Amino acid sequence: MASRACATGTVARRKAVSPMTELPLVVGVDGSEASLTAVDWAVDEAARHGLPLRLVYACLWERYEDGTAPAGGREPFSERALAEQIVASAAARARRRSPDVTTATGIVPQEAVTALLSEGDKAFAVVTGARGRGVLKDLLPGSVGPAVAARARCPVVVVRGDGAGLAGTHRRVLLGAGEPDTAGDAVRFAFREAEARGCVLDVVRAWHRPVYGGAGRPPPGADTAHRHEREAAELLDALLGDASAGRPRVRVDRTTPEGHARKVLVDRSAAADLVVVGVRPRHGRAGHPLGRVAHALLHHALCPVALVPRR
């Protein structure tokens, strides 16, 4: 209880440190355990920033409601009734967790990804669980979250990880510093999160030496490693300059480890409460729609993952 109070803070303090617009924090709910975990996380997040919460259930129920009574004389199946039950239960859970957070609900007759993309056009961020409801949940882990993140205009947070990461006990936000053309909004998002949480911002820019092949070509030496490390540090200075000056209360730890970014960030997520990366959707291109780093984090991170699109 003490750690949750520390992470959430008072209503007055939240609004003081983050005078945000009143765009809601949208959460996709479907009755699964993962979506309820996402609701809990989103309630705390909304409380930190003084934001309203909107819980959305999306399903094309008219495809299933034909009025045919099932065997055994039971009432006809109603996806609409199930939807109302799910959003009501999620809203009650949210209000129990934080009565100060304004909570609204919506039932949208659309496919889940389409509905959340539409909701995201007028949201602070969209939050989803790591797994959904239904027979495919174990075959397609987190399929809704990545699909939304690949096309959303707002940040998308996929809530996953271990108990410590979900509870926010590490007191660290991890930022994977990518390329300048995708990282700017992610940097600002990460600083805002660290300030609202009153925690350390751990900024990482990983690098690795290129592979040298062919006969007679010497392996890369210490000078090459030093050059790559120096370039990574210079990129961090350029990325963090304005954001750091604008939020001087945020303590920043910056590191430039050698290694592949996806492995470095997954490993460091074990000691973080949130990992933030910038994304540049790659519609119609080969490979993972969000890139290898985001893909690895969505499947292996030990804390919630925030994917922030370039505006």
Protein backbone atom coordinates (compact mmCIF):
# COMPACT_ATOMS: atom_id res chain seq x y z
CA MET A 1 0.00 0.00 0.00
CA ALA A 2 2.81 2.40 0.84
CA SER A 3 4.54 1.86 -2.51
CA ARG A 4 1.31 2.47 -4.42
CA ALA A 5 0.67 5.71 -2.54
CA CYS A 6 4.23 6.82 -3.25
CA ALA A 7 3.86 6.09 -6.94
CA THR A 8 0.45 7.74 -7.24
CA GLY A 9 0.72 10.80 -5.00
CA THR A 10 -2.04 13.24 -4.15
CA VAL A 11 -4.45 14.75 -6.65
CA ALA A 12 -3.07 18.24 -6.07
CA ARG A 13 0.53 17.14 -6.66
CA ARG A 14 -0.37 15.23 -9.81
CA LYS A 15 -1.99 18.22 -11.41
CA ALA A 16 0.85 20.47 -10.35
CA VAL A 17 3.57 18.40 -11.95
CA SER A 18 1.64 17.54 -15.10
CA PRO A 19 -0.89 20.16 -16.21
CA MET A 20 -2.15 17.98 -19.07
CA THR A 21 -4.99 18.41 -21.47
CA GLU A 22 -8.21 16.64 -20.56
CA LEU A 23 -7.86 14.04 -23.29
CA PRO A 24 -8.72 10.69 -21.71
CA LEU A 25 -6.55 7.67 -21.17
CA VAL A 26 -8.31 4.98 -23.23
CA VAL A 27 -8.18 1.34 -22.13
CA GLY A 28 -9.29 -1.59 -24.25
CA VAL A 29 -11.17 -4.10 -22.08
CA ASP A 30 -12.43 -7.55 -22.99
CA GLY A 31 -12.93 -9.32 -19.65
CA SER A 32 -9.60 -11.15 -19.74
CA GLU A 33 -7.23 -11.14 -16.80
CA ALA A 34 -4.69 -9.24 -18.91
CA SER A 35 -7.18 -6.46 -19.65
CA LEU A 36 -8.05 -6.14 -15.95
CA THR A 37 -4.33 -5.78 -15.20
CA ALA A 38 -4.26 -3.05 -17.85
CA VAL A 39 -7.20 -1.32 -16.15
CA ASP A 40 -5.35 -1.30 -12.81
CA TRP A 41 -2.22 0.15 -14.42
CA ALA A 42 -4.22 2.75 -16.35
CA VAL A 43 -6.07 3.91 -13.24
CA ASP A 44 -2.76 4.66 -11.52
CA GLU A 45 -1.47 6.35 -14.68
CA ALA A 46 -4.58 8.51 -14.99
CA ALA A 47 -4.27 9.47 -11.33
CA ARG A 48 -0.64 10.55 -11.78
CA HIS A 49 -1.51 12.88 -14.63
CA GLY A 50 -4.96 14.02 -13.48
CA LEU A 51 -6.60 12.49 -16.57
CA PRO A 52 -10.05 10.99 -17.08
CA LEU A 53 -10.26 7.29 -17.90
CA ARG A 54 -12.30 5.76 -20.72
CA LEU A 55 -12.88 1.99 -20.80
CA VAL A 56 -13.77 0.67 -24.25
CA TYR A 57 -15.17 -2.70 -25.26
CA ALA A 58 -15.18 -3.35 -29.01
CA CYS A 59 -16.93 -6.19 -30.80
CA LEU A 60 -19.07 -6.73 -33.89
CA TRP A 61 -21.80 -8.35 -31.81
CA GLU A 62 -24.46 -7.97 -34.51
CA ARG A 63 -22.67 -10.76 -36.40
CA TYR A 64 -23.40 -13.20 -33.59
CA GLU A 65 -26.83 -12.23 -32.31
CA ASP A 66 -29.33 -14.09 -34.46
CA GLY A 67 -31.84 -14.71 -31.70
CA THR A 68 -31.39 -18.49 -31.82
CA ALA A 69 -31.83 -20.10 -28.42
CA PRO A 70 -29.05 -22.54 -27.52
CA ALA A 71 -29.68 -26.11 -26.42
CA GLY A 72 -30.98 -26.58 -22.91
CA GLY A 73 -33.61 -23.85 -23.00
CA ARG A 74 -31.26 -21.06 -21.93
CA GLU A 75 -31.66 -17.45 -22.97
CA PRO A 76 -30.25 -16.52 -26.40
CA PHE A 77 -26.59 -15.59 -26.34
CA SER A 78 -26.06 -11.83 -26.26
CA GLU A 79 -22.66 -10.34 -26.97
CA ARG A 80 -24.13 -6.95 -26.16
CA ALA A 81 -25.14 -8.13 -22.68
CA LEU A 82 -21.67 -9.58 -22.19
CA ALA A 83 -20.13 -6.27 -23.29
CA GLU A 84 -22.25 -4.32 -20.81
CA GLN A 85 -21.26 -6.71 -18.03
CA ILE A 86 -17.56 -6.44 -18.90
CA VAL A 87 -17.41 -2.64 -19.02
CA ALA A 88 -19.52 -2.29 -15.86
CA SER A 89 -17.24 -4.67 -13.98
CA ALA A 90 -14.12 -2.90 -15.25
CA ALA A 91 -15.53 0.52 -14.29
CA ALA A 92 -16.38 -0.69 -10.79
CA ARG A 93 -12.86 -2.05 -10.44
CA ALA A 94 -11.38 1.27 -11.55
CA ARG A 95 -13.49 3.28 -9.11
CA ARG A 96 -12.55 1.01 -6.24
CA ARG A 97 -8.88 1.48 -7.04
CA SER A 98 -9.09 5.28 -7.27
CA PRO A 99 -12.39 7.08 -6.65
CA ASP A 100 -10.75 10.39 -7.66
CA VAL A 101 -10.28 9.29 -11.28
CA THR A 102 -13.23 10.17 -13.52
CA THR A 103 -14.21 6.96 -15.30
CA ALA A 104 -16.44 6.55 -18.36
CA THR A 105 -17.23 3.54 -20.53
CA GLY A 106 -18.00 2.87 -24.16
CA ILE A 107 -19.23 -0.11 -26.18
CA VAL A 108 -18.19 0.19 -29.82
CA PRO A 109 -19.63 -2.04 -32.59
CA GLN A 110 -16.32 -2.34 -34.40
CA GLU A 111 -13.39 -4.70 -34.64
CA ALA A 112 -11.04 -4.07 -31.69
CA VAL A 113 -8.08 -2.58 -33.57
CA THR A 114 -10.28 -0.26 -35.63
CA ALA A 115 -12.15 0.90 -32.54
CA LEU A 116 -9.01 1.62 -30.52
CA LEU A 117 -7.40 3.48 -33.41
CA SER A 118 -10.47 5.70 -33.65
CA GLU A 119 -10.51 6.24 -29.88
CA GLY A 120 -6.80 7.01 -29.97
CA ASP A 121 -7.34 9.97 -32.28
CA LYS A 122 -8.78 11.80 -29.28
CA ALA A 123 -6.81 10.23 -26.43
CA PHE A 124 -3.75 10.98 -24.32
CA ALA A 125 -2.74 7.35 -24.88
CA VAL A 126 -4.26 3.94 -25.55
CA VAL A 127 -3.62 1.12 -23.07
CA THR A 128 -4.05 -2.59 -23.79
CA GLY A 129 -3.27 -5.84 -22.04
CA ALA A 130 -0.60 -8.19 -23.28
CA ARG A 131 -3.08 -10.95 -24.12
CA GLY A 132 -6.73 -10.98 -25.09
CA ARG A 133 -9.77 -13.17 -24.61
CA GLY A 134 -10.67 -16.09 -26.84
CA VAL A 135 -9.32 -19.31 -28.30
CA LEU A 136 -6.43 -17.58 -30.09
CA LYS A 137 -5.06 -15.77 -27.08
CA ASP A 138 -2.16 -18.20 -26.62
CA LEU A 139 -1.34 -18.26 -30.35
CA LEU A 140 -1.35 -14.51 -30.91
CA PRO A 141 0.03 -12.87 -27.76
CA GLY A 142 -0.71 -9.17 -27.64
CA SER A 143 -1.92 -9.06 -31.24
CA VAL A 144 -4.22 -6.08 -30.63
CA GLY A 145 -1.56 -3.94 -28.91
CA PRO A 146 1.06 -4.16 -31.68
CA ALA A 147 -1.57 -3.72 -34.39
CA VAL A 148 -2.84 -0.55 -32.74
CA ALA A 149 0.67 0.76 -32.06
CA ALA A 150 1.64 0.27 -35.71
CA ARG A 151 -1.00 2.78 -36.84
CA ALA A 152 -1.94 4.92 -33.83
CA ARG A 153 -1.37 8.66 -33.73
CA CYS A 154 -1.01 8.64 -29.94
CA PRO A 155 1.23 6.64 -27.59
CA VAL A 156 0.20 3.03 -27.01
CA VAL A 157 1.05 1.25 -23.77
CA VAL A 158 1.00 -2.54 -23.65
CA VAL A 159 0.77 -3.61 -20.01
CA ARG A 160 2.93 -6.65 -19.33
CA GLY A 161 5.72 -7.69 -16.99
CA ASP A 162 6.33 -9.03 -13.52
CA GLY A 163 4.77 -7.88 -10.27
CA ALA A 164 7.48 -5.37 -9.40
CA GLY A 165 7.36 -3.71 -12.80
CA LEU A 166 3.56 -3.50 -12.77
CA ALA A 167 3.51 -2.10 -9.24
CA GLY A 168 6.07 0.60 -10.02
CA THR A 169 8.46 -0.33 -7.21
CA HIS A 170 11.72 0.11 -9.15
CA ARG A 171 11.34 3.91 -9.31
CA ARG A 172 12.89 4.02 -12.80
CA VAL A 173 11.60 4.83 -16.27
CA LEU A 174 13.71 3.31 -19.06
CA LEU A 175 14.05 5.18 -22.35
CA GLY A 176 15.53 3.48 -25.38
CA ALA A 177 17.06 6.37 -27.33
CA GLY A 178 16.57 5.63 -31.00
CA GLU A 179 17.29 7.66 -34.09
CA PRO A 180 16.59 11.41 -34.05
CA ASP A 181 13.75 11.11 -36.56
CA THR A 182 11.73 8.85 -34.25
CA ALA A 183 12.98 9.66 -30.75
CA GLY A 184 11.84 13.24 -30.09
CA ASP A 185 8.29 12.53 -28.93
CA ALA A 186 9.43 9.45 -27.03
CA VAL A 187 12.00 11.56 -25.15
CA ARG A 188 9.35 14.09 -24.12
CA PHE A 189 6.95 11.31 -23.11
CA ALA A 190 9.62 9.61 -20.98
CA PHE A 191 10.58 12.85 -19.21
CA ARG A 192 6.94 13.56 -18.44
CA GLU A 193 6.50 10.05 -17.01
CA ALA A 194 9.61 10.28 -14.86
CA GLU A 195 8.57 13.66 -13.48
CA ALA A 196 5.00 12.53 -12.71
CA ARG A 197 6.33 9.44 -10.94
CA GLY A 198 9.14 11.30 -9.16
CA CYS A 199 11.65 8.72 -10.31
CA VAL A 200 14.91 8.34 -12.23
CA LEU A 201 14.97 8.40 -16.03
CA ASP A 202 17.38 5.77 -17.31
CA VAL A 203 18.34 6.68 -20.89
CA VAL A 204 20.12 4.04 -22.96
CA ARG A 205 21.70 4.28 -26.38
CA ALA A 206 23.13 0.90 -27.33
CA TRP A 207 25.74 0.45 -30.03
CA HIS A 208 27.61 -2.43 -31.59
CA ARG A 209 30.62 -2.74 -33.81
CA PRO A 210 29.97 -3.72 -37.41
CA VAL A 211 30.90 -7.20 -38.53
CA TYR A 212 34.08 -7.28 -40.58
CA GLY A 213 34.41 -10.14 -43.00
CA GLY A 214 36.72 -11.28 -45.74
CA ALA A 215 40.28 -12.44 -45.83
CA GLY A 216 42.94 -10.00 -44.79
CA ARG A 217 40.52 -7.65 -43.00
CA PRO A 218 41.51 -7.04 -39.38
CA PRO A 219 38.90 -7.17 -36.64
CA PRO A 220 37.69 -3.85 -35.25
CA GLY A 221 39.99 -2.50 -32.57
CA ALA A 222 39.67 -0.31 -29.51
CA ASP A 223 39.69 2.87 -31.59
CA THR A 224 36.60 1.72 -33.48
CA ALA A 225 34.79 0.87 -30.25
CA HIS A 226 35.69 4.23 -28.75
CA ARG A 227 34.38 6.03 -31.84
CA HIS A 228 31.02 4.22 -31.74
CA GLU A 229 30.66 4.88 -28.02
CA ARG A 230 31.49 8.55 -28.49
CA GLU A 231 28.93 8.88 -31.29
CA ALA A 232 26.28 7.28 -29.06
CA ALA A 233 27.06 9.73 -26.26
CA GLU A 234 26.89 12.69 -28.64
CA LEU A 235 23.53 11.53 -29.92
CA LEU A 236 22.23 11.35 -26.34
CA ASP A 237 23.42 14.90 -25.69
CA ALA A 238 21.55 16.12 -28.77
CA LEU A 239 18.35 14.23 -27.96
CA LEU A 240 18.16 15.12 -24.27
CA GLY A 241 19.22 18.76 -24.35
CA ASP A 242 15.90 20.60 -24.64
CA ALA A 243 13.83 18.04 -22.75
CA SER A 244 16.29 17.93 -19.86
CA ALA A 245 16.39 21.72 -19.60
CA GLY A 246 12.59 21.87 -19.57
CA ARG A 247 12.22 19.39 -16.70
CA PRO A 248 15.18 20.07 -14.39
CA ARG A 249 13.68 18.07 -11.52
CA VAL A 250 14.12 14.81 -13.41
CA ARG A 251 17.30 12.96 -12.54
CA VAL A 252 18.77 11.42 -15.70
CA ASP A 253 21.13 8.46 -15.83
CA ARG A 254 22.56 8.01 -19.31
CA THR A 255 24.48 4.98 -20.51
CA THR A 256 25.93 3.84 -23.84
CA PRO A 257 26.42 0.07 -23.53
CA GLU A 258 27.76 -2.12 -26.29
CA GLY A 259 25.24 -4.60 -27.63
CA HIS A 260 22.07 -4.92 -29.67
CA ALA A 261 19.43 -2.47 -28.50
CA ARG A 262 16.64 -5.03 -28.24
CA LYS A 263 18.65 -7.30 -25.91
CA VAL A 264 20.00 -4.42 -23.83
CA LEU A 265 16.54 -2.94 -23.28
CA VAL A 266 14.86 -6.27 -22.53
CA ASP A 267 17.55 -7.01 -19.94
CA ARG A 268 17.25 -3.57 -18.34
CA SER A 269 13.44 -3.74 -18.28
CA ALA A 270 13.80 -6.10 -15.30
CA ALA A 271 14.70 -3.05 -13.17
CA ALA A 272 12.21 -0.57 -14.70
CA ASP A 273 8.57 0.40 -14.16
CA LEU A 274 8.05 1.48 -17.78
CA VAL A 275 10.13 1.23 -20.93
CA VAL A 276 9.60 3.90 -23.60
CA VAL A 277 10.65 3.71 -27.25
CA GLY A 278 9.84 5.79 -30.28
CA VAL A 279 8.33 4.06 -33.29
CA ARG A 280 8.02 4.80 -36.96
CA PRO A 281 5.34 2.57 -38.50
CA ARG A 282 6.55 0.64 -41.55
CA HIS A 283 3.33 -0.15 -43.44
CA GLY A 284 3.82 -2.44 -46.38
CA ARG A 285 7.50 -3.08 -45.66
CA ALA A 286 9.17 -6.36 -44.85
CA GLY A 287 9.96 -7.25 -41.26
CA HIS A 288 8.16 -6.36 -38.06
CA PRO A 289 5.78 -3.41 -38.56
CA LEU A 290 7.21 -1.62 -35.51
CA GLY A 291 10.83 -2.69 -35.90
CA ARG A 292 12.87 -5.32 -34.09
CA VAL A 293 13.38 -3.40 -30.86
CA ALA A 294 9.68 -2.73 -30.28
CA HIS A 295 8.80 -6.29 -31.30
CA ALA A 296 11.27 -7.75 -28.80
CA LEU A 297 10.01 -5.52 -25.98
CA LEU A 298 6.35 -6.35 -26.66
CA HIS A 299 7.11 -10.04 -26.28
CA HIS A 300 9.85 -10.14 -23.64
CA ALA A 301 9.94 -6.95 -21.52
CA LEU A 302 9.47 -7.36 -17.77
CA CYS A 303 7.54 -4.11 -17.39
CA PRO A 304 4.87 -2.17 -19.35
CA VAL A 305 5.99 -0.91 -22.77
CA ALA A 306 5.10 2.54 -24.17
CA LEU A 307 5.38 2.89 -27.95
CA VAL A 308 5.42 6.56 -28.91
CA PRO A 309 4.87 7.45 -32.57
CA ARG A 310 6.60 10.26 -34.35
CA ARG A 311 4.16 13.10 -34.95
